PDB file of N, CA and C in Angstrom:
ATOM      1  N   UNK A   1    -128.177 -90.514 -57.428  1.00  0.00           N
ATOM      2  CA  UNK A   1    -127.452 -90.319 -56.195  1.00  0.00           C
ATOM      3  C   UNK A   1    -128.030 -91.260 -55.147  1.00  0.00           C
ATOM      4  N   UNK A   2    -127.219 -91.643 -54.211  1.00  0.00           N
ATOM      5  CA  UNK A   2    -127.604 -92.624 -53.224  1.00  0.00           C
ATOM      6  C   UNK A   2    -127.614 -91.998 -51.849  1.00  0.00           C
ATOM      7  N   UNK A   3    -128.608 -92.341 -51.029  1.00  0.00           N
ATOM      8  CA  UNK A   3    -128.754 -91.728 -49.718  1.00  0.00           C
ATOM      9  C   UNK A   3    -127.704 -92.181 -48.725  1.00  0.00           C
ATOM     10  N   UNK A   4    -127.257 -91.247 -47.873  1.00  0.00           N
ATOM     11  CA  UNK A   4    -126.385 -91.545 -46.751  1.00  0.00           C
ATOM     12  C   UNK A   4    -127.237 -91.565 -45.506  1.00  0.00           C
ATOM     13  N   UNK A   5    -126.654 -91.971 -44.407  1.00  0.00           N
ATOM     14  CA  UNK A   5    -127.410 -92.090 -43.172  1.00  0.00           C
ATOM     15  C   UNK A   5    -128.011 -90.767 -42.721  1.00  0.00           C
ATOM     16  N   UNK A   6    -127.372 -89.644 -43.028  1.00  0.00           N
ATOM     17  CA  UNK A   6    -127.893 -88.352 -42.587  1.00  0.00           C
ATOM     18  C   UNK A   6    -128.872 -87.757 -43.589  1.00  0.00           C
ATOM     19  N   UNK A   7    -129.307 -88.521 -44.569  1.00  0.00           N
ATOM     20  CA  UNK A   7    -130.294 -88.061 -45.523  1.00  0.00           C
ATOM     21  C   UNK A   7    -129.707 -87.294 -46.699  1.00  0.00           C
ATOM     22  N   UNK A   8    -128.391 -87.097 -46.725  1.00  0.00           N
ATOM     23  CA  UNK A   8    -127.776 -86.407 -47.846  1.00  0.00           C
ATOM     24  C   UNK A   8    -127.419 -87.420 -48.917  1.00  0.00           C
ATOM     25  N   UNK A   9    -126.881 -86.948 -50.032  1.00  0.00           N
ATOM     26  CA  UNK A   9    -126.590 -87.827 -51.156  1.00  0.00           C
ATOM     27  C   UNK A   9    -125.093 -88.067 -51.313  1.00  0.00           C
ATOM     28  N   UNK A  10    -124.768 -89.231 -51.838  1.00  0.00           N
ATOM     29  CA  UNK A  10    -123.385 -89.583 -52.115  1.00  0.00           C
ATOM     30  C   UNK A  10    -122.976 -88.980 -53.458  1.00  0.00           C
ATOM     31  N   UNK A  11    -121.798 -88.420 -53.515  1.00  0.00           N
ATOM     32  CA  UNK A  11    -121.322 -87.807 -54.748  1.00  0.00           C
ATOM     33  C   UNK A  11    -120.825 -88.875 -55.713  1.00  0.00           C
ATOM     34  N   UNK A  12    -121.181 -88.725 -56.985  1.00  0.00           N
ATOM     35  CA  UNK A  12    -120.636 -89.600 -58.009  1.00  0.00           C
ATOM     36  C   UNK A  12    -119.307 -89.057 -58.495  1.00  0.00           C
ATOM     37  N   UNK A  13    -119.106 -87.764 -58.322  1.00  0.00           N
ATOM     38  CA  UNK A  13    -117.867 -87.097 -58.656  1.00  0.00           C
ATOM     39  C   UNK A  13    -117.523 -86.176 -57.497  1.00  0.00           C
ATOM     40  N   UNK A  14    -116.444 -85.461 -57.610  1.00  0.00           N
ATOM     41  CA  UNK A  14    -116.043 -84.549 -56.546  1.00  0.00           C
ATOM     42  C   UNK A  14    -117.160 -83.540 -56.303  1.00  0.00           C
ATOM     43  N   UNK A  15    -117.632 -83.476 -55.079  1.00  0.00           N
ATOM     44  CA  UNK A  15    -118.770 -82.632 -54.710  1.00  0.00           C
ATOM     45  C   UNK A  15    -118.250 -81.248 -54.285  1.00  0.00           C
ATOM     46  N   UNK A  16    -117.920 -80.424 -55.261  1.00  0.00           N
ATOM     47  CA  UNK A  16    -117.329 -79.111 -54.999  1.00  0.00           C
ATOM     48  C   UNK A  16    -118.239 -78.224 -54.158  1.00  0.00           C
ATOM     49  N   UNK A  17    -119.539 -78.290 -54.397  1.00  0.00           N
ATOM     50  CA  UNK A  17    -120.469 -77.467 -53.619  1.00  0.00           C
ATOM     51  C   UNK A  17    -120.412 -77.829 -52.140  1.00  0.00           C
ATOM     52  N   UNK A  18    -120.376 -79.120 -51.836  1.00  0.00           N
ATOM     53  CA  UNK A  18    -120.308 -79.559 -50.437  1.00  0.00           C
ATOM     54  C   UNK A  18    -119.002 -79.075 -49.801  1.00  0.00           C
ATOM     55  N   UNK A  19    -117.890 -79.248 -50.530  1.00  0.00           N
ATOM     56  CA  UNK A  19    -116.604 -78.784 -49.998  1.00  0.00           C
ATOM     57  C   UNK A  19    -116.617 -77.271 -49.778  1.00  0.00           C
ATOM     58  N   UNK A  20    -117.158 -76.521 -50.733  1.00  0.00           N
ATOM     59  CA  UNK A  20    -117.232 -75.064 -50.587  1.00  0.00           C
ATOM     60  C   UNK A  20    -118.071 -74.670 -49.373  1.00  0.00           C
ATOM     61  N   UNK A  21    -119.170 -75.369 -49.146  1.00  0.00           N
ATOM     62  CA  UNK A  21    -120.008 -75.085 -47.975  1.00  0.00           C
ATOM     63  C   UNK A  21    -119.264 -75.366 -46.681  1.00  0.00           C
ATOM     64  N   UNK A  22    -118.552 -76.488 -46.639  1.00  0.00           N
ATOM     65  CA  UNK A  22    -117.779 -76.834 -45.434  1.00  0.00           C
ATOM     66  C   UNK A  22    -116.656 -75.824 -45.207  1.00  0.00           C
ATOM     67  N   UNK A  23    -115.989 -75.425 -46.284  1.00  0.00           N
ATOM     68  CA  UNK A  23    -114.926 -74.428 -46.166  1.00  0.00           C
ATOM     69  C   UNK A  23    -115.493 -73.118 -45.642  1.00  0.00           C
ATOM     70  N   UNK A  24    -116.596 -72.683 -46.210  1.00  0.00           N
ATOM     71  CA  UNK A  24    -117.224 -71.427 -45.807  1.00  0.00           C
ATOM     72  C   UNK A  24    -117.619 -71.454 -44.328  1.00  0.00           C
ATOM     73  N   UNK A  25    -118.163 -72.575 -43.889  1.00  0.00           N
ATOM     74  CA  UNK A  25    -118.572 -72.711 -42.488  1.00  0.00           C
ATOM     75  C   UNK A  25    -117.382 -72.590 -41.540  1.00  0.00           C
ATOM     76  N   UNK A  26    -116.193 -72.931 -42.028  1.00  0.00           N
ATOM     77  CA  UNK A  26    -114.980 -72.844 -41.212  1.00  0.00           C
ATOM     78  C   UNK A  26    -114.215 -71.551 -41.463  1.00  0.00           C
ATOM     79  N   UNK A  27    -114.751 -70.691 -42.339  1.00  0.00           N
ATOM     80  CA  UNK A  27    -114.082 -69.425 -42.630  1.00  0.00           C
ATOM     81  C   UNK A  27    -112.818 -69.588 -43.459  1.00  0.00           C
ATOM     82  N   UNK A  28    -112.818 -70.614 -44.299  1.00  0.00           N
ATOM     83  CA  UNK A  28    -111.660 -70.925 -45.142  1.00  0.00           C
ATOM     84  C   UNK A  28    -112.125 -70.897 -46.597  1.00  0.00           C
ATOM     85  N   UNK A  29    -111.241 -70.501 -47.505  1.00  0.00           N
ATOM     86  CA  UNK A  29    -111.574 -70.580 -48.925  1.00  0.00           C
ATOM     87  C   UNK A  29    -110.712 -71.668 -49.568  1.00  0.00           C
ATOM     88  N   UNK A  30    -110.878 -71.846 -50.852  1.00  0.00           N
ATOM     89  CA  UNK A  30    -110.126 -72.894 -51.557  1.00  0.00           C
ATOM     90  C   UNK A  30    -108.619 -72.656 -51.490  1.00  0.00           C
ATOM     91  N   UNK A  31    -108.216 -71.398 -51.530  1.00  0.00           N
ATOM     92  CA  UNK A  31    -106.782 -71.098 -51.428  1.00  0.00           C
ATOM     93  C   UNK A  31    -106.251 -71.566 -50.076  1.00  0.00           C
ATOM     94  N   UNK A  32    -107.013 -71.312 -49.016  1.00  0.00           N
ATOM     95  CA  UNK A  32    -106.616 -71.770 -47.687  1.00  0.00           C
ATOM     96  C   UNK A  32    -106.514 -73.281 -47.610  1.00  0.00           C
ATOM     97  N   UNK A  33    -107.462 -73.969 -48.246  1.00  0.00           N
ATOM     98  CA  UNK A  33    -107.414 -75.432 -48.275  1.00  0.00           C
ATOM     99  C   UNK A  33    -106.186 -75.914 -49.031  1.00  0.00           C
ATOM    100  N   UNK A  34    -105.900 -75.269 -50.153  1.00  0.00           N
ATOM    101  CA  UNK A  34    -104.727 -75.653 -50.946  1.00  0.00           C
ATOM    102  C   UNK A  34    -103.444 -75.495 -50.124  1.00  0.00           C
ATOM    103  N   UNK A  35    -103.318 -74.368 -49.452  1.00  0.00           N
ATOM    104  CA  UNK A  35    -102.122 -74.116 -48.642  1.00  0.00           C
ATOM    105  C   UNK A  35    -102.021 -75.147 -47.520  1.00  0.00           C
ATOM    106  N   UNK A  36    -103.126 -75.352 -46.797  1.00  0.00           N
ATOM    107  CA  UNK A  36    -103.126 -76.282 -45.673  1.00  0.00           C
ATOM    108  C   UNK A  36    -102.815 -77.713 -46.108  1.00  0.00           C
ATOM    109  N   UNK A  37    -103.294 -78.086 -47.286  1.00  0.00           N
ATOM    110  CA  UNK A  37    -103.103 -79.452 -47.783  1.00  0.00           C
ATOM    111  C   UNK A  37    -101.805 -79.608 -48.574  1.00  0.00           C
ATOM    112  N   UNK A  38    -101.091 -78.502 -48.801  1.00  0.00           N
ATOM    113  CA  UNK A  38     -99.846 -78.581 -49.558  1.00  0.00           C
ATOM    114  C   UNK A  38    -100.061 -78.872 -51.028  1.00  0.00           C
ATOM    115  N   UNK A  39    -101.165 -78.351 -51.569  1.00  0.00           N
ATOM    116  CA  UNK A  39    -101.538 -78.586 -52.963  1.00  0.00           C
ATOM    117  C   UNK A  39    -101.456 -77.257 -53.708  1.00  0.00           C
ATOM    118  N   UNK A  40    -100.883 -77.267 -54.892  1.00  0.00           N
ATOM    119  CA  UNK A  40    -100.873 -76.072 -55.728  1.00  0.00           C
ATOM    120  C   UNK A  40    -102.312 -75.686 -56.061  1.00  0.00           C
ATOM    121  N   UNK A  41    -102.578 -74.395 -56.156  1.00  0.00           N
ATOM    122  CA  UNK A  41    -103.943 -73.930 -56.453  1.00  0.00           C
ATOM    123  C   UNK A  41    -104.495 -74.550 -57.730  1.00  0.00           C
ATOM    124  N   UNK A  42    -103.652 -74.641 -58.751  1.00  0.00           N
ATOM    125  CA  UNK A  42    -104.090 -75.233 -60.016  1.00  0.00           C
ATOM    126  C   UNK A  42    -104.449 -76.707 -59.869  1.00  0.00           C
ATOM    127  N   UNK A  43    -103.699 -77.415 -59.041  1.00  0.00           N
ATOM    128  CA  UNK A  43    -103.997 -78.831 -58.807  1.00  0.00           C
ATOM    129  C   UNK A  43    -105.293 -78.987 -58.007  1.00  0.00           C
ATOM    130  N   UNK A  44    -105.521 -78.103 -57.038  1.00  0.00           N
ATOM    131  CA  UNK A  44    -106.770 -78.158 -56.285  1.00  0.00           C
ATOM    132  C   UNK A  44    -107.953 -77.896 -57.225  1.00  0.00           C
ATOM    133  N   UNK A  45    -107.778 -76.957 -58.138  1.00  0.00           N
ATOM    134  CA  UNK A  45    -108.832 -76.689 -59.120  1.00  0.00           C
ATOM    135  C   UNK A  45    -109.109 -77.942 -59.949  1.00  0.00           C
ATOM    136  N   UNK A  46    -108.064 -78.638 -60.345  1.00  0.00           N
ATOM    137  CA  UNK A  46    -108.239 -79.877 -61.115  1.00  0.00           C
ATOM    138  C   UNK A  46    -109.017 -80.919 -60.313  1.00  0.00           C
ATOM    139  N   UNK A  47    -108.756 -80.989 -59.001  1.00  0.00           N
ATOM    140  CA  UNK A  47    -109.493 -81.919 -58.143  1.00  0.00           C
ATOM    141  C   UNK A  47    -110.960 -81.509 -58.084  1.00  0.00           C
ATOM    142  N   UNK A  48    -111.207 -80.207 -57.849  1.00  0.00           N
ATOM    143  CA  UNK A  48    -112.580 -79.706 -57.720  1.00  0.00           C
ATOM    144  C   UNK A  48    -113.372 -79.839 -59.010  1.00  0.00           C
ATOM    145  N   UNK A  49    -112.706 -79.903 -60.149  1.00  0.00           N
ATOM    146  CA  UNK A  49    -113.405 -80.009 -61.436  1.00  0.00           C
ATOM    147  C   UNK A  49    -113.319 -81.415 -62.033  1.00  0.00           C
ATOM    148  N   UNK A  50    -112.952 -82.389 -61.204  1.00  0.00           N
ATOM    149  CA  UNK A  50    -112.902 -83.804 -61.610  1.00  0.00           C
ATOM    150  C   UNK A  50    -111.894 -84.097 -62.707  1.00  0.00           C
ATOM    151  N   UNK A  51    -110.861 -83.282 -62.815  1.00  0.00           N
ATOM    152  CA  UNK A  51    -109.824 -83.543 -63.809  1.00  0.00           C
ATOM    153  C   UNK A  51    -108.779 -84.512 -63.280  1.00  0.00           C
ATOM    154  N   UNK A  52    -108.706 -84.641 -61.953  1.00  0.00           N
ATOM    155  CA  UNK A  52    -107.856 -85.656 -61.348  1.00  0.00           C
ATOM    156  C   UNK A  52    -108.401 -85.994 -59.976  1.00  0.00           C
ATOM    157  N   UNK A  53    -108.088 -87.190 -59.532  1.00  0.00           N
ATOM    158  CA  UNK A  53    -108.539 -87.629 -58.207  1.00  0.00           C
ATOM    159  C   UNK A  53    -107.547 -87.165 -57.148  1.00  0.00           C
ATOM    160  N   UNK A  54    -108.037 -86.862 -55.966  1.00  0.00           N
ATOM    161  CA  UNK A  54    -107.130 -86.509 -54.879  1.00  0.00           C
ATOM    162  C   UNK A  54    -106.352 -87.730 -54.413  1.00  0.00           C
ATOM    163  N   UNK A  55    -105.146 -87.495 -53.907  1.00  0.00           N
ATOM    164  CA  UNK A  55    -104.342 -88.589 -53.361  1.00  0.00           C
ATOM    165  C   UNK A  55    -104.808 -88.902 -51.946  1.00  0.00           C
ATOM    166  N   UNK A  56    -104.321 -89.991 -51.419  1.00  0.00           N
ATOM    167  CA  UNK A  56    -104.648 -90.376 -50.044  1.00  0.00           C
ATOM    168  C   UNK A  56    -104.199 -89.297 -49.064  1.00  0.00           C
ATOM    169  N   UNK A  57    -103.021 -88.756 -49.275  1.00  0.00           N
ATOM    170  CA  UNK A  57    -102.522 -87.696 -48.390  1.00  0.00           C
ATOM    171  C   UNK A  57    -103.396 -86.447 -48.472  1.00  0.00           C
ATOM    172  N   UNK A  58    -103.816 -86.090 -49.678  1.00  0.00           N
ATOM    173  CA  UNK A  58    -104.682 -84.917 -49.853  1.00  0.00           C
ATOM    174  C   UNK A  58    -106.023 -85.129 -49.158  1.00  0.00           C
ATOM    175  N   UNK A  59    -106.593 -86.321 -49.309  1.00  0.00           N
ATOM    176  CA  UNK A  59    -107.862 -86.613 -48.646  1.00  0.00           C
ATOM    177  C   UNK A  59    -107.723 -86.506 -47.129  1.00  0.00           C
ATOM    178  N   UNK A  60    -106.627 -87.028 -46.597  1.00  0.00           N
ATOM    179  CA  UNK A  60    -106.395 -86.957 -45.149  1.00  0.00           C
ATOM    180  C   UNK A  60    -106.273 -85.508 -44.696  1.00  0.00           C
ATOM    181  N   UNK A  61    -105.598 -84.673 -45.478  1.00  0.00           N
ATOM    182  CA  UNK A  61    -105.460 -83.253 -45.131  1.00  0.00           C
ATOM    183  C   UNK A  61    -106.797 -82.526 -45.245  1.00  0.00           C
ATOM    184  N   UNK A  62    -107.586 -82.853 -46.271  1.00  0.00           N
ATOM    185  CA  UNK A  62    -108.914 -82.252 -46.398  1.00  0.00           C
ATOM    186  C   UNK A  62    -109.744 -82.583 -45.158  1.00  0.00           C
ATOM    187  N   UNK A  63    -109.681 -83.835 -44.712  1.00  0.00           N
ATOM    188  CA  UNK A  63    -110.434 -84.248 -43.527  1.00  0.00           C
ATOM    189  C   UNK A  63    -109.956 -83.485 -42.297  1.00  0.00           C
ATOM    190  N   UNK A  64    -108.651 -83.318 -42.170  1.00  0.00           N
ATOM    191  CA  UNK A  64    -108.101 -82.597 -41.023  1.00  0.00           C
ATOM    192  C   UNK A  64    -108.542 -81.143 -41.035  1.00  0.00           C
ATOM    193  N   UNK A  65    -108.387 -80.485 -42.178  1.00  0.00           N
ATOM    194  CA  UNK A  65    -108.738 -79.070 -42.290  1.00  0.00           C
ATOM    195  C   UNK A  65    -110.226 -78.847 -42.050  1.00  0.00           C
ATOM    196  N   UNK A  66    -111.044 -79.711 -42.599  1.00  0.00           N
ATOM    197  CA  UNK A  66    -112.497 -79.554 -42.475  1.00  0.00           C
ATOM    198  C   UNK A  66    -113.064 -80.198 -41.208  1.00  0.00           C
ATOM    199  N   UNK A  67    -112.171 -80.821 -40.432  1.00  0.00           N
ATOM    200  CA  UNK A  67    -112.592 -81.515 -39.213  1.00  0.00           C
ATOM    201  C   UNK A  67    -113.764 -82.440 -39.498  1.00  0.00           C
ATOM    202  N   UNK A  68    -113.567 -83.257 -40.527  1.00  0.00           N
ATOM    203  CA  UNK A  68    -114.593 -84.176 -41.011  1.00  0.00           C
ATOM    204  C   UNK A  68    -113.988 -85.566 -41.117  1.00  0.00           C
ATOM    205  N   UNK A  69    -114.796 -86.570 -40.916  1.00  0.00           N
ATOM    206  CA  UNK A  69    -114.355 -87.949 -41.014  1.00  0.00           C
ATOM    207  C   UNK A  69    -113.765 -88.235 -42.402  1.00  0.00           C
ATOM    208  N   UNK A  70    -112.681 -88.991 -42.447  1.00  0.00           N
ATOM    209  CA  UNK A  70    -112.031 -89.318 -43.715  1.00  0.00           C
ATOM    210  C   UNK A  70    -112.974 -90.050 -44.660  1.00  0.00           C
ATOM    211  N   UNK A  71    -113.824 -90.900 -44.141  1.00  0.00           N
ATOM    212  CA  UNK A  71    -114.771 -91.612 -45.003  1.00  0.00           C
ATOM    213  C   UNK A  71    -115.713 -90.632 -45.689  1.00  0.00           C
ATOM    214  N   UNK A  72    -116.215 -89.643 -44.942  1.00  0.00           N
ATOM    215  CA  UNK A  72    -117.099 -88.630 -45.542  1.00  0.00           C
ATOM    216  C   UNK A  72    -116.360 -87.874 -46.649  1.00  0.00           C
ATOM    217  N   UNK A  73    -115.122 -87.489 -46.378  1.00  0.00           N
ATOM    218  CA  UNK A  73    -114.315 -86.782 -47.384  1.00  0.00           C
ATOM    219  C   UNK A  73    -114.131 -87.667 -48.616  1.00  0.00           C
ATOM    220  N   UNK A  74    -113.838 -88.937 -48.398  1.00  0.00           N
ATOM    221  CA  UNK A  74    -113.624 -89.875 -49.498  1.00  0.00           C
ATOM    222  C   UNK A  74    -114.886 -90.022 -50.339  1.00  0.00           C
ATOM    223  N   UNK A  75    -116.032 -90.141 -49.665  1.00  0.00           N
ATOM    224  CA  UNK A  75    -117.305 -90.260 -50.387  1.00  0.00           C
ATOM    225  C   UNK A  75    -117.575 -88.984 -51.180  1.00  0.00           C
ATOM    226  N   UNK A  76    -117.395 -87.832 -50.545  1.00  0.00           N
ATOM    227  CA  UNK A  76    -117.681 -86.554 -51.203  1.00  0.00           C
ATOM    228  C   UNK A  76    -116.704 -86.242 -52.324  1.00  0.00           C
ATOM    229  N   UNK A  77    -115.536 -86.888 -52.293  1.00  0.00           N
ATOM    230  CA  UNK A  77    -114.579 -86.663 -53.373  1.00  0.00           C
ATOM    231  C   UNK A  77    -114.833 -87.603 -54.552  1.00  0.00           C
ATOM    232  N   UNK A  78    -115.807 -88.505 -54.387  1.00  0.00           N
ATOM    233  CA  UNK A  78    -116.155 -89.424 -55.475  1.00  0.00           C
ATOM    234  C   UNK A  78    -115.326 -90.683 -55.515  1.00  0.00           C
ATOM    235  N   UNK A  79    -114.403 -90.847 -54.574  1.00  0.00           N
ATOM    236  CA  UNK A  79    -113.521 -92.010 -54.584  1.00  0.00           C
ATOM    237  C   UNK A  79    -114.241 -93.259 -54.097  1.00  0.00           C
ATOM    238  N   UNK A  80    -115.185 -93.119 -53.165  1.00  0.00           N
ATOM    239  CA  UNK A  80    -115.804 -94.277 -52.523  1.00  0.00           C
ATOM    240  C   UNK A  80    -117.162 -94.667 -53.094  1.00  0.00           C
ATOM    241  N   UNK A  81    -117.508 -94.180 -54.275  1.00  0.00           N
ATOM    242  CA  UNK A  81    -118.785 -94.548 -54.882  1.00  0.00           C
ATOM    243  C   UNK A  81    -118.771 -96.043 -55.171  1.00  0.00           C
ATOM    244  N   UNK A  82    -119.840 -96.741 -54.802  1.00  0.00           N
ATOM    245  CA  UNK A  82    -119.834 -98.195 -54.921  1.00  0.00           C
ATOM    246  C   UNK A  82    -120.954 -98.761 -55.799  1.00  0.00           C
ATOM    247  N   UNK A  83    -121.841 -97.934 -56.277  1.00  0.00           N
ATOM    248  CA  UNK A  83    -122.957 -98.446 -57.071  1.00  0.00           C
ATOM    249  C   UNK A  83    -122.950 -97.817 -58.460  1.00  0.00           C
ATOM    250  N   UNK A  84    -123.460 -98.578 -59.440  1.00  0.00           N
ATOM    251  CA  UNK A  84    -123.564 -98.039 -60.790  1.00  0.00           C
ATOM    252  C   UNK A  84    -124.920 -97.370 -60.977  1.00  0.00           C
ATOM    253  N   UNK A  85    -125.058 -96.682 -62.072  1.00  0.00           N
ATOM    254  CA  UNK A  85    -126.319 -95.995 -62.370  1.00  0.00           C
ATOM    255  C   UNK A  85    -127.435 -97.014 -62.577  1.00  0.00           C
ATOM    256  N   UNK A  86    -128.657 -96.676 -62.180  1.00  0.00           N
ATOM    257  CA  UNK A  86    -129.787 -97.584 -62.399  1.00  0.00           C
ATOM    258  C   UNK A  86    -129.941 -97.886 -63.887  1.00  0.00           C
ATOM    259  N   UNK A  87    -130.222 -99.141 -64.199  1.00  0.00           N
ATOM    260  CA  UNK A  87    -130.447 -99.549 -65.577  1.00  0.00           C
ATOM    261  C   UNK A  87    -129.182 -99.818 -66.377  1.00  0.00           C
ATOM    262  N   UNK A  88    -128.001 -99.669 -65.746  1.00  0.00           N
ATOM    263  CA  UNK A  88    -126.743 -99.933 -66.466  1.00  0.00           C
ATOM    264  C   UNK A  88    -126.649-101.418 -66.791  1.00  0.00           C
ATOM    265  N   UNK A  89    -126.065-101.723 -67.935  1.00  0.00           N
ATOM    266  CA  UNK A  89    -125.953-103.131 -68.303  1.00  0.00           C
ATOM    267  C   UNK A  89    -124.867-103.794 -67.452  1.00  0.00           C
ATOM    268  N   UNK A  90    -124.973-105.119 -67.296  1.00  0.00           N
ATOM    269  CA  UNK A  90    -124.105-105.865 -66.387  1.00  0.00           C
ATOM    270  C   UNK A  90    -122.628-105.697 -66.732  1.00  0.00           C
ATOM    271  N   UNK A  91    -122.289-105.748 -68.008  1.00  0.00           N
ATOM    272  CA  UNK A  91    -120.888-105.583 -68.418  1.00  0.00           C
ATOM    273  C   UNK A  91    -120.354-104.217 -68.022  1.00  0.00           C
ATOM    274  N   UNK A  92    -121.157-103.186 -68.257  1.00  0.00           N
ATOM    275  CA  UNK A  92    -120.753-101.836 -67.861  1.00  0.00           C
ATOM    276  C   UNK A  92    -120.613-101.732 -66.352  1.00  0.00           C
ATOM    277  N   UNK A  93    -121.531-102.370 -65.648  1.00  0.00           N
ATOM    278  CA  UNK A  93    -121.500-102.331 -64.177  1.00  0.00           C
ATOM    279  C   UNK A  93    -120.233-102.997 -63.657  1.00  0.00           C
ATOM    280  N   UNK A  94    -119.869-104.134 -64.205  1.00  0.00           N
ATOM    281  CA  UNK A  94    -118.662-104.837 -63.773  1.00  0.00           C
ATOM    282  C   UNK A  94    -117.430-103.988 -64.069  1.00  0.00           C
ATOM    283  N   UNK A  95    -117.363-103.408 -65.262  1.00  0.00           N
ATOM    284  CA  UNK A  95    -116.231-102.535 -65.598  1.00  0.00           C
ATOM    285  C   UNK A  95    -116.154-101.351 -64.646  1.00  0.00           C
ATOM    286  N   UNK A  96    -117.300-100.783 -64.326  1.00  0.00           N
ATOM    287  CA  UNK A  96    -117.346 -99.648 -63.410  1.00  0.00           C
ATOM    288  C   UNK A  96    -116.865-100.059 -62.023  1.00  0.00           C
ATOM    289  N   UNK A  97    -117.320-101.191 -61.543  1.00  0.00           N
ATOM    290  CA  UNK A  97    -116.901-101.683 -60.227  1.00  0.00           C
ATOM    291  C   UNK A  97    -115.399-101.952 -60.221  1.00  0.00           C
ATOM    292  N   UNK A  98    -114.901-102.584 -61.271  1.00  0.00           N
ATOM    293  CA  UNK A  98    -113.464-102.867 -61.345  1.00  0.00           C
ATOM    294  C   UNK A  98    -112.644-101.583 -61.371  1.00  0.00           C
ATOM    295  N   UNK A  99    -113.102-100.576 -62.098  1.00  0.00           N
ATOM    296  CA  UNK A  99    -112.385 -99.301 -62.145  1.00  0.00           C
ATOM    297  C   UNK A  99    -112.377 -98.644 -60.771  1.00  0.00           C
ATOM    298  N   UNK A 100    -113.502 -98.696 -60.078  1.00  0.00           N
ATOM    299  CA  UNK A 100    -113.557 -98.099 -58.740  1.00  0.00           C
ATOM    300  C   UNK A 100    -112.701 -98.867 -57.755  1.00  0.00           C
ATOM    301  N   UNK A 101    -112.685-100.188 -57.864  1.00  0.00           N
ATOM    302  CA  UNK A 101    -111.820-100.983 -56.995  1.00  0.00           C
ATOM    303  C   UNK A 101    -110.348-100.668 -57.256  1.00  0.00           C
ATOM    304  N   UNK A 102    -109.992-100.487 -58.525  1.00  0.00           N
ATOM    305  CA  UNK A 102    -108.621-100.090 -58.854  1.00  0.00           C
ATOM    306  C   UNK A 102    -108.286 -98.745 -58.215  1.00  0.00           C
ATOM    307  N   UNK A 103    -109.218 -97.793 -58.280  1.00  0.00           N
ATOM    308  CA  UNK A 103    -108.993 -96.478 -57.675  1.00  0.00           C
ATOM    309  C   UNK A 103    -108.846 -96.592 -56.165  1.00  0.00           C
ATOM    310  N   UNK A 104    -109.674 -97.432 -55.548  1.00  0.00           N
ATOM    311  CA  UNK A 104    -109.580 -97.628 -54.099  1.00  0.00           C
ATOM    312  C   UNK A 104    -108.268 -98.305 -53.740  1.00  0.00           C
ATOM    313  N   UNK A 105    -107.861 -99.308 -54.519  1.00  0.00           N
ATOM    314  CA  UNK A 105    -106.571 -99.965 -54.274  1.00  0.00           C
ATOM    315  C   UNK A 105    -105.426 -98.970 -54.360  1.00  0.00           C
ATOM    316  N   UNK A 106    -105.465 -98.099 -55.355  1.00  0.00           N
ATOM    317  CA  UNK A 106    -104.427 -97.075 -55.506  1.00  0.00           C
ATOM    318  C   UNK A 106    -104.445 -96.139 -54.317  1.00  0.00           C
ATOM    319  N   UNK A 107    -105.630 -95.709 -53.926  1.00  0.00           N
ATOM    320  CA  UNK A 107    -105.761 -94.813 -52.778  1.00  0.00           C
ATOM    321  C   UNK A 107    -105.222 -95.471 -51.514  1.00  0.00           C
ATOM    322  N   UNK A 108    -105.577 -96.745 -51.284  1.00  0.00           N
ATOM    323  CA  UNK A 108    -105.102 -97.453 -50.098  1.00  0.00           C
ATOM    324  C   UNK A 108    -103.583 -97.604 -50.107  1.00  0.00           C
ATOM    325  N   UNK A 109    -103.021 -97.911 -51.258  1.00  0.00           N
ATOM    326  CA  UNK A 109    -101.564 -98.035 -51.361  1.00  0.00           C
ATOM    327  C   UNK A 109    -100.888 -96.704 -51.044  1.00  0.00           C
ATOM    328  N   UNK A 110    -101.432 -95.607 -51.586  1.00  0.00           N
ATOM    329  CA  UNK A 110    -100.873 -94.279 -51.295  1.00  0.00           C
ATOM    330  C   UNK A 110    -101.022 -93.941 -49.821  1.00  0.00           C
ATOM    331  N   UNK A 111    -102.161 -94.290 -49.240  1.00  0.00           N
ATOM    332  CA  UNK A 111    -102.414 -94.013 -47.827  1.00  0.00           C
ATOM    333  C   UNK A 111    -101.437 -94.803 -46.950  1.00  0.00           C
ATOM    334  N   UNK A 112    -101.266 -96.073 -47.237  1.00  0.00           N
ATOM    335  CA  UNK A 112    -100.326 -96.900 -46.478  1.00  0.00           C
ATOM    336  C   UNK A 112     -98.899 -96.374 -46.617  1.00  0.00           C
ATOM    337  N   UNK A 113     -98.522 -95.972 -47.823  1.00  0.00           N
ATOM    338  CA  UNK A 113     -97.176 -95.430 -48.039  1.00  0.00           C
ATOM    339  C   UNK A 113     -96.987 -94.133 -47.253  1.00  0.00           C
ATOM    340  N   UNK A 114     -98.030 -93.313 -47.200  1.00  0.00           N
ATOM    341  CA  UNK A 114     -97.929 -92.055 -46.456  1.00  0.00           C
ATOM    342  C   UNK A 114     -97.814 -92.310 -44.961  1.00  0.00           C
ATOM    343  N   UNK A 115     -98.471 -93.350 -44.467  1.00  0.00           N
ATOM    344  CA  UNK A 115     -98.384 -93.727 -43.052  1.00  0.00           C
ATOM    345  C   UNK A 115     -96.964 -94.175 -42.703  1.00  0.00           C
ATOM    346  N   UNK A 116     -96.332 -94.908 -43.610  1.00  0.00           N
ATOM    347  CA  UNK A 116     -94.981 -95.390 -43.362  1.00  0.00           C
ATOM    348  C   UNK A 116     -93.967 -94.243 -43.332  1.00  0.00           C
ATOM    349  N   UNK A 117     -94.228 -93.213 -44.166  1.00  0.00           N
ATOM    350  CA  UNK A 117     -93.320 -92.058 -44.206  1.00  0.00           C
ATOM    351  C   UNK A 117     -93.484 -91.171 -42.979  1.00  0.00           C
ATOM    352  N   UNK A 118     -94.657 -91.215 -42.382  1.00  0.00           N
ATOM    353  CA  UNK A 118     -94.951 -90.307 -41.253  1.00  0.00           C
ATOM    354  C   UNK A 118     -94.298 -90.744 -39.959  1.00  0.00           C
TER     355      UNK A 118
END
């Protein structure tokens, strides 16, 4: 895990514990987050268990509901991870970086499309 400016760690995958803590602090549970974000409960569970990545719109709603910066939400959801594991071979590292860039490109395209619809 990699340090953030506030001394906490960056999530390599969706950081469900962090989200649960933030929800609890706001008096909201996962069902409330699902309703507020317009996500089916089963789909939110899939996001929390790393079975699928959240969309740009979902990330924006999570940030709104949790009153948290979108970048923090993106990092905690595992979308913005930028470094490979220590000791990874160069080929694996390049593939990992390319996969993450593809995910970021997809997220940005979805985010831009959502802005145009709004």
